[in-house]
């Protein structure tokens, strides 16, 4: 890398348009496209793409999460982008970074410059812990990387090499699994029947398509909040967040504004009335696209009752009516989360790619 390349590189704050197709939305659209291309190149699959229309509502309402974007140009050409996301609540310590650079620009210092700029922004916001996720193919290569948890491995990429050289540690590996929806779902039906009988009458399944009914918002927010404490996360420092009825309604509105559809299956513990498990399936405006499984959780107090199987299978079977043309479901789970991986494998999920969770402490 020469001094000339550094001088020629200009990084500016990204313009956030009011509409995805607005005349001042070129930077925003480029950021999304760079993210899609980076994901496909690193993971080796094209299942993880977004659209500007889906992403933009989360930038326009930053009540709960702050987002900052940065665009790198060389000679007027956009050659990379970066995003910083962090909770807006007082006392928040962690921020998540995303770097979007594709060849040949990794070799010209773009990634390092964007990483330094987002780190500066995180520091200015008072954040002390940084997280960044990398994507990886299923193929094995020389120099496989092992996380601090000891579970799983990932193949090195240009981004992982930059992070390792910049003081980040690989803390965890997640498996991205897919389930093809081109055949009968007899296995899910069988597993659901068995799990329901095992759990017994104390547990009742409820389900809805966003927006969340008012009577479920409090319980739903409660189990979403416990994703920060009840999901295996190795040594990642994750801030606990408050999810009240208003925040649930705001997230619903953001997803719906992006043309997305989400189905939620949850379990109510009848003796207490508490919501104790949930599963989310999401698809974009294109109902022939890939379905993404978002959160899945069984609260610690109610594990061992096969509630994870219940919410996953109940939502999967419900999905046939919600998005019958979707070809597959994609999901991520920590490699050390063997109970959830067992459920996935029993239903028919197979590995498609991997993700690495990196962490750096600023002070």
Protein backbone atom coordinates (compact mmCIF):
# COMPACT_ATOMS: atom_id res chain seq x y z
CA UNK A 1 0.00 0.00 0.00
CA UNK A 2 1.43 3.36 -1.00
CA UNK A 3 0.99 6.85 0.35
CA UNK A 4 -0.80 7.75 -2.88
CA UNK A 5 -3.60 5.26 -2.26
CA UNK A 6 -4.10 6.67 1.23
CA UNK A 7 -4.21 10.25 -0.02
CA UNK A 8 -6.67 9.40 -2.79
CA UNK A 9 -9.07 7.60 -0.46
CA UNK A 10 -11.89 9.78 0.90
CA UNK A 11 -14.35 8.61 3.58
CA UNK A 12 -17.54 10.57 4.19
CA UNK A 13 -20.70 10.14 6.26
CA UNK A 14 -23.30 8.26 4.23
CA UNK A 15 -26.37 10.19 3.10
CA UNK A 16 -29.55 8.47 4.33
CA UNK A 17 -32.43 9.14 1.92
CA UNK A 18 -36.09 9.39 2.87
CA UNK A 19 -36.94 6.89 0.12
CA UNK A 20 -34.86 4.03 -1.23
CA UNK A 21 -35.33 5.27 -4.80
CA UNK A 22 -34.68 8.94 -4.01
CA UNK A 23 -32.19 10.91 -6.07
CA UNK A 24 -29.93 11.31 -3.02
CA UNK A 25 -30.05 7.58 -2.23
CA UNK A 26 -27.17 6.45 -4.45
CA UNK A 27 -24.79 5.99 -1.51
CA UNK A 28 -27.37 4.06 0.48
CA UNK A 29 -28.16 1.77 -2.45
CA UNK A 30 -24.44 1.23 -3.04
CA UNK A 31 -23.96 0.28 0.61
CA UNK A 32 -26.66 -2.40 0.40
CA UNK A 33 -25.30 -3.75 -2.88
CA UNK A 34 -21.75 -3.89 -1.49
CA UNK A 35 -23.09 -5.79 1.53
CA UNK A 36 -24.82 -8.29 -0.73
CA UNK A 37 -21.75 -8.81 -2.90
CA UNK A 38 -19.47 -9.16 0.13
CA UNK A 39 -21.78 -11.73 1.73
CA UNK A 40 -21.98 -13.79 -1.44
CA UNK A 41 -18.22 -13.75 -1.98
CA UNK A 42 -17.36 -14.62 1.62
CA UNK A 43 -20.11 -17.17 2.35
CA UNK A 44 -20.15 -18.70 -1.12
CA UNK A 45 -23.97 -18.52 -1.32
CA UNK A 46 -26.48 -15.84 -2.33
CA UNK A 47 -29.06 -16.53 0.41
CA UNK A 48 -28.19 -13.52 2.58
CA UNK A 49 -29.08 -10.58 0.35
CA UNK A 50 -31.06 -7.51 1.39
CA UNK A 51 -32.82 -4.77 -0.55
CA UNK A 52 -32.62 -1.02 0.08
CA UNK A 53 -36.39 -0.99 0.65
CA UNK A 54 -36.10 -3.56 3.45
CA UNK A 55 -33.14 -1.91 5.14
CA UNK A 56 -34.09 1.78 4.99
CA UNK A 57 -36.89 1.87 7.64
CA UNK A 58 -34.39 0.84 10.31
CA UNK A 59 -32.29 3.87 9.42
CA UNK A 60 -35.21 6.30 9.44
CA UNK A 61 -36.39 5.34 12.95
CA UNK A 62 -33.41 5.28 15.30
CA UNK A 63 -35.37 5.46 18.53
CA UNK A 64 -33.93 2.21 19.85
CA UNK A 65 -30.80 1.62 17.76
CA UNK A 66 -28.39 4.22 16.40
CA UNK A 67 -26.92 3.66 12.93
CA UNK A 68 -24.03 5.48 11.30
CA UNK A 69 -22.87 4.83 7.74
CA UNK A 70 -19.62 5.69 5.97
CA UNK A 71 -18.75 5.64 2.27
CA UNK A 72 -15.22 5.26 0.88
CA UNK A 73 -14.39 6.75 -2.52
CA UNK A 74 -11.31 6.76 -4.65
CA UNK A 75 -11.31 8.96 -7.73
CA UNK A 76 -15.02 9.53 -7.27
CA UNK A 77 -15.80 5.79 -7.36
CA UNK A 78 -17.44 4.15 -4.34
CA UNK A 79 -15.02 1.40 -3.28
CA UNK A 80 -16.35 0.43 0.14
CA UNK A 81 -18.81 1.12 2.94
CA UNK A 82 -19.09 0.62 6.67
CA UNK A 83 -21.91 0.69 9.21
CA UNK A 84 -21.91 1.13 12.97
CA UNK A 85 -24.97 0.01 14.95
CA UNK A 86 -25.50 0.35 18.69
CA UNK A 87 -28.34 0.55 21.16
CA UNK A 88 -29.41 4.08 22.00
CA UNK A 89 -30.03 3.40 25.70
CA UNK A 90 -27.88 5.13 28.30
CA UNK A 91 -25.12 2.90 29.63
CA UNK A 92 -24.69 0.94 26.39
CA UNK A 93 -21.11 -0.28 26.01
CA UNK A 94 -21.15 -2.43 22.85
CA UNK A 95 -21.35 -1.49 19.17
CA UNK A 96 -21.53 -3.68 16.09
CA UNK A 97 -19.53 -2.86 12.97
CA UNK A 98 -19.97 -3.99 9.36
CA UNK A 99 -17.38 -3.63 6.62
CA UNK A 100 -18.36 -3.96 2.97
CA UNK A 101 -15.40 -4.14 0.61
CA UNK A 102 -14.95 -6.39 -2.42
CA UNK A 103 -11.87 -7.30 -4.52
CA UNK A 104 -9.64 -5.75 -5.66
CA UNK A 105 -10.07 -3.01 -3.06
CA UNK A 106 -9.02 -5.15 -0.10
CA UNK A 107 -5.47 -4.80 -1.36
CA UNK A 108 -5.53 -0.98 -1.38
CA UNK A 109 -6.20 -0.15 2.27
CA UNK A 110 -9.94 0.51 1.96
CA UNK A 111 -10.95 -2.02 4.60
CA UNK A 112 -8.45 -0.81 7.17
CA UNK A 113 -9.39 2.84 6.63
CA UNK A 114 -13.11 2.10 7.05
CA UNK A 115 -12.45 0.01 10.14
CA UNK A 116 -10.48 2.85 11.73
CA UNK A 117 -13.26 5.34 10.89
CA UNK A 118 -16.01 3.23 12.45
CA UNK A 119 -13.86 2.58 15.52
CA UNK A 120 -13.42 6.33 15.92
CA UNK A 121 -17.19 6.82 15.74
CA UNK A 122 -17.78 4.06 18.30
CA UNK A 123 -15.27 5.68 20.64
CA UNK A 124 -16.93 9.09 20.19
CA UNK A 125 -20.25 7.52 21.21
CA UNK A 126 -18.65 6.15 24.37
CA UNK A 127 -18.69 2.50 23.31
CA UNK A 128 -15.91 0.34 24.73
CA UNK A 129 -16.58 -3.05 23.11
CA UNK A 130 -16.79 -3.68 19.38
CA UNK A 131 -18.33 -6.67 17.61
CA UNK A 132 -18.07 -7.64 13.97
CA UNK A 133 -19.41 -10.72 12.16
CA UNK A 134 -17.58 -12.39 9.29
CA UNK A 135 -19.04 -14.87 6.79
CA UNK A 136 -17.28 -18.01 5.59
CA UNK A 137 -17.88 -20.91 3.18
CA UNK A 138 -18.36 -24.53 4.22
CA UNK A 139 -15.16 -25.54 2.41
CA UNK A 140 -12.03 -26.17 4.42
CA UNK A 141 -8.71 -24.53 3.60
CA UNK A 142 -5.27 -24.19 5.13
CA UNK A 143 -5.12 -22.04 8.26
CA UNK A 144 -8.62 -22.76 9.60
CA UNK A 145 -9.53 -20.41 12.46
CA UNK A 146 -10.83 -21.69 15.81
CA UNK A 147 -12.83 -19.47 18.20
CA UNK A 148 -12.24 -19.00 21.90
CA UNK A 149 -15.22 -21.27 22.67
CA UNK A 150 -13.43 -24.20 21.03
CA UNK A 151 -16.55 -25.02 18.99
CA UNK A 152 -16.34 -24.95 15.19
CA UNK A 153 -13.84 -23.58 12.66
CA UNK A 154 -13.93 -21.10 9.79
CA UNK A 155 -11.81 -20.58 6.72
CA UNK A 156 -9.81 -17.32 6.62
CA UNK A 157 -11.02 -14.41 4.47
CA UNK A 158 -9.64 -10.97 3.69
CA UNK A 159 -11.87 -9.48 6.39
CA UNK A 160 -10.89 -12.03 9.05
CA UNK A 161 -7.22 -11.38 8.31
CA UNK A 162 -7.76 -7.63 8.74
CA UNK A 163 -9.58 -8.13 12.03
CA UNK A 164 -6.92 -10.45 13.44
CA UNK A 165 -4.26 -7.88 12.55
CA UNK A 166 -6.31 -5.07 14.13
CA UNK A 167 -6.68 -6.49 17.63
CA UNK A 168 -9.96 -8.39 17.24
CA UNK A 169 -10.37 -11.90 18.69
CA UNK A 170 -12.54 -14.64 17.20
CA UNK A 171 -14.88 -15.45 20.08
CA UNK A 172 -17.53 -17.69 18.53
CA UNK A 173 -18.54 -19.57 15.37
CA UNK A 174 -22.11 -19.89 14.17
CA UNK A 175 -23.44 -22.41 11.67
CA UNK A 176 -25.72 -21.16 8.92
CA UNK A 177 -28.14 -23.98 8.09
CA UNK A 178 -30.82 -24.23 5.40
CA UNK A 179 -33.96 -26.30 5.02
CA UNK A 180 -35.33 -26.83 1.52
CA UNK A 181 -39.09 -26.37 1.31
CA UNK A 182 -39.58 -28.43 -1.84
CA UNK A 183 -41.13 -31.49 -0.22
CA UNK A 184 -43.55 -32.67 2.47
CA UNK A 185 -42.95 -31.62 6.05
CA UNK A 186 -43.80 -34.95 7.62
CA UNK A 187 -40.75 -34.88 9.88
CA UNK A 188 -41.78 -31.52 11.34
CA UNK A 189 -45.34 -32.76 11.87
CA UNK A 190 -44.09 -35.88 13.64
CA UNK A 191 -41.62 -33.97 15.82
CA UNK A 192 -44.28 -31.42 16.78
CA UNK A 193 -46.74 -34.13 17.84
CA UNK A 194 -44.10 -35.91 19.92
CA UNK A 195 -42.83 -32.72 21.56
CA UNK A 196 -46.35 -31.46 22.35
CA UNK A 197 -47.22 -34.72 24.07
CA UNK A 198 -43.94 -34.62 26.02
CA UNK A 199 -44.38 -31.01 27.18
CA UNK A 200 -47.89 -31.65 28.44
CA UNK A 201 -50.93 -29.43 28.98
CA UNK A 202 -49.07 -26.75 30.94
CA UNK A 203 -47.78 -25.33 27.65
CA UNK A 204 -49.94 -23.74 24.93
CA UNK A 205 -48.85 -22.61 21.44
CA UNK A 206 -49.91 -19.20 20.13
CA UNK A 207 -48.99 -17.75 16.74
CA UNK A 208 -49.47 -14.55 14.77
CA UNK A 209 -48.29 -12.63 11.74
CA UNK A 210 -46.98 -9.12 12.42
CA UNK A 211 -48.15 -6.73 13.74
CA UNK A 212 -48.06 -8.34 17.17
CA UNK A 213 -51.47 -8.40 18.90
CA UNK A 214 -51.47 -6.03 21.91
CA UNK A 215 -52.10 -8.89 24.35
CA UNK A 216 -48.82 -10.57 23.33
CA UNK A 217 -46.51 -7.54 23.17
CA UNK A 218 -45.34 -7.63 26.77
CA UNK A 219 -44.55 -11.34 26.80
CA UNK A 220 -42.98 -11.20 23.36
CA UNK A 221 -40.76 -8.28 24.35
CA UNK A 222 -39.71 -10.18 27.45
CA UNK A 223 -38.45 -13.22 25.53
CA UNK A 224 -36.74 -11.07 22.89
CA UNK A 225 -34.86 -9.27 25.69
CA UNK A 226 -33.64 -12.59 27.04
CA UNK A 227 -31.80 -13.28 23.77
CA UNK A 228 -29.01 -11.21 25.37
CA UNK A 229 -28.75 -13.46 28.42
CA UNK A 230 -30.10 -16.92 27.56
CA UNK A 231 -28.41 -17.65 24.20
CA UNK A 232 -24.86 -19.07 24.12
CA UNK A 233 -22.49 -16.20 23.33
CA UNK A 234 -19.06 -17.27 24.60
CA UNK A 235 -17.13 -14.30 25.99
CA UNK A 236 -18.95 -11.73 23.85
CA UNK A 237 -19.95 -8.76 26.00
CA UNK A 238 -23.59 -8.16 25.10
CA UNK A 239 -25.67 -5.38 26.60
CA UNK A 240 -29.03 -6.27 28.06
CA UNK A 241 -31.80 -4.18 26.53
CA UNK A 242 -35.32 -3.24 27.57
CA UNK A 243 -38.10 -4.43 25.26
CA UNK A 244 -41.40 -2.89 26.35
CA UNK A 245 -44.68 -2.84 24.42
CA UNK A 246 -43.69 0.34 22.60
CA UNK A 247 -40.42 -1.10 21.34
CA UNK A 248 -42.13 -4.25 20.08
CA UNK A 249 -44.64 -2.09 18.19
CA UNK A 250 -41.84 0.04 16.73
CA UNK A 251 -39.93 -2.99 15.48
CA UNK A 252 -43.12 -4.39 13.94
CA UNK A 253 -43.72 -1.09 12.15
CA UNK A 254 -40.14 -0.98 10.85
CA UNK A 255 -40.32 -4.49 9.41
CA UNK A 256 -43.72 -3.88 7.83
CA UNK A 257 -42.56 -0.58 6.35
CA UNK A 258 -39.82 -2.51 4.55
CA UNK A 259 -42.39 -4.80 2.93
CA UNK A 260 -41.41 -7.73 5.11
CA UNK A 261 -43.66 -10.40 6.61
CA UNK A 262 -42.92 -12.16 9.89
CA UNK A 263 -44.64 -15.13 11.48
CA UNK A 264 -44.14 -15.76 15.20
CA UNK A 265 -44.88 -18.98 17.07
CA UNK A 266 -44.63 -18.85 20.84
CA UNK A 267 -45.39 -20.96 23.89
CA UNK A 268 -47.37 -19.76 26.90
CA UNK A 269 -46.83 -21.42 30.28
CA UNK A 270 -50.43 -21.74 31.44
CA UNK A 271 -49.88 -21.77 35.24
CA UNK A 272 -48.04 -18.42 35.14
CA UNK A 273 -49.27 -16.90 31.87
CA UNK A 274 -45.63 -16.23 30.90
CA UNK A 275 -44.37 -16.47 27.32
CA UNK A 276 -41.44 -18.87 27.62
CA UNK A 277 -40.39 -19.73 24.04
CA UNK A 278 -40.62 -18.20 20.57
CA UNK A 279 -39.53 -18.59 16.96
CA UNK A 280 -39.57 -16.02 14.14
CA UNK A 281 -39.69 -16.57 10.37
CA UNK A 282 -39.23 -13.58 8.07
CA UNK A 283 -39.45 -12.98 4.32
CA UNK A 284 -39.12 -9.86 2.20
CA UNK A 285 -41.54 -8.38 -0.30
CA UNK A 286 -40.49 -11.06 -2.80
CA UNK A 287 -42.41 -14.07 -1.47
CA UNK A 288 -40.41 -16.35 -3.76
CA UNK A 289 -37.20 -15.43 -1.94
CA UNK A 290 -35.34 -17.06 0.92
CA UNK A 291 -37.04 -17.19 4.32
CA UNK A 292 -34.88 -16.17 7.27
CA UNK A 293 -35.32 -17.54 10.74
CA UNK A 294 -34.58 -14.76 13.20
CA UNK A 295 -34.86 -15.26 16.93
CA UNK A 296 -35.47 -18.65 18.54
CA UNK A 297 -35.35 -19.00 22.31
CA UNK A 298 -36.52 -21.14 25.19
CA UNK A 299 -36.06 -19.39 28.52
CA UNK A 300 -33.64 -21.13 30.87
CA UNK A 301 -36.32 -22.02 33.42
CA UNK A 302 -38.34 -24.02 30.89
CA UNK A 303 -35.67 -25.95 29.02
CA UNK A 304 -35.84 -29.72 28.77
CA UNK A 305 -39.54 -29.67 27.79
CA UNK A 306 -38.90 -29.77 24.00
CA UNK A 307 -40.32 -26.28 23.61
CA UNK A 308 -37.67 -25.41 21.03
CA UNK A 309 -38.93 -28.22 18.83
CA UNK A 310 -42.51 -27.04 19.36
CA UNK A 311 -41.98 -23.42 18.30
CA UNK A 312 -39.73 -24.29 15.37
CA UNK A 313 -42.03 -26.97 13.97
CA UNK A 314 -45.26 -25.07 14.65
CA UNK A 315 -43.95 -22.01 12.85
CA UNK A 316 -42.52 -24.07 9.98
CA UNK A 317 -45.88 -25.75 9.38
CA UNK A 318 -47.67 -22.39 9.63
CA UNK A 319 -45.24 -20.92 7.08
CA UNK A 320 -46.67 -23.09 4.30
CA UNK A 321 -49.72 -20.83 4.29
CA UNK A 322 -47.80 -17.57 4.82
CA UNK A 323 -45.17 -17.94 2.07
CA UNK A 324 -45.86 -21.13 0.10
CA UNK A 325 -43.49 -20.16 -2.75
CA UNK A 326 -40.37 -19.61 -0.60
CA UNK A 327 -37.78 -22.26 -1.57
CA UNK A 328 -35.83 -22.52 1.68
CA UNK A 329 -35.34 -21.35 5.27
CA UNK A 330 -31.96 -20.03 6.45
CA UNK A 331 -30.93 -19.85 10.11
CA UNK A 332 -27.83 -19.21 12.25
CA UNK A 333 -26.99 -21.00 15.51
CA UNK A 334 -23.89 -21.06 17.70
CA UNK A 335 -21.80 -24.20 17.18
CA UNK A 336 -21.87 -24.84 20.94
CA UNK A 337 -25.67 -24.67 20.96
CA UNK A 338 -25.98 -28.41 20.39
CA UNK A 339 -29.62 -28.68 21.59
CA UNK A 340 -30.80 -26.21 18.91
CA UNK A 341 -28.60 -27.77 16.23
CA UNK A 342 -30.04 -31.18 17.13
CA UNK A 343 -33.54 -29.82 16.54
CA UNK A 344 -32.51 -28.34 13.19
CA UNK A 345 -30.83 -31.53 12.02
CA UNK A 346 -33.81 -33.65 13.03
CA UNK A 347 -36.10 -31.47 10.91
CA UNK A 348 -33.74 -31.60 7.92
CA UNK A 349 -31.53 -28.48 8.07
CA UNK A 350 -28.03 -28.84 6.58
CA UNK A 351 -24.96 -26.54 6.79
CA UNK A 352 -24.72 -23.84 4.10
CA UNK A 353 -22.08 -21.44 5.45
CA UNK A 354 -20.55 -20.20 8.70
CA UNK A 355 -20.17 -16.94 10.59
CA UNK A 356 -17.50 -15.74 13.00
CA UNK A 357 -18.12 -13.35 15.89
CA UNK A 358 -15.14 -11.06 16.55
CA UNK A 359 -14.64 -8.78 19.52
CA UNK A 360 -12.29 -5.94 20.44
CA UNK A 361 -12.16 -3.97 23.67
CA UNK A 362 -11.19 -0.33 23.18
CA UNK A 363 -10.39 0.19 26.85
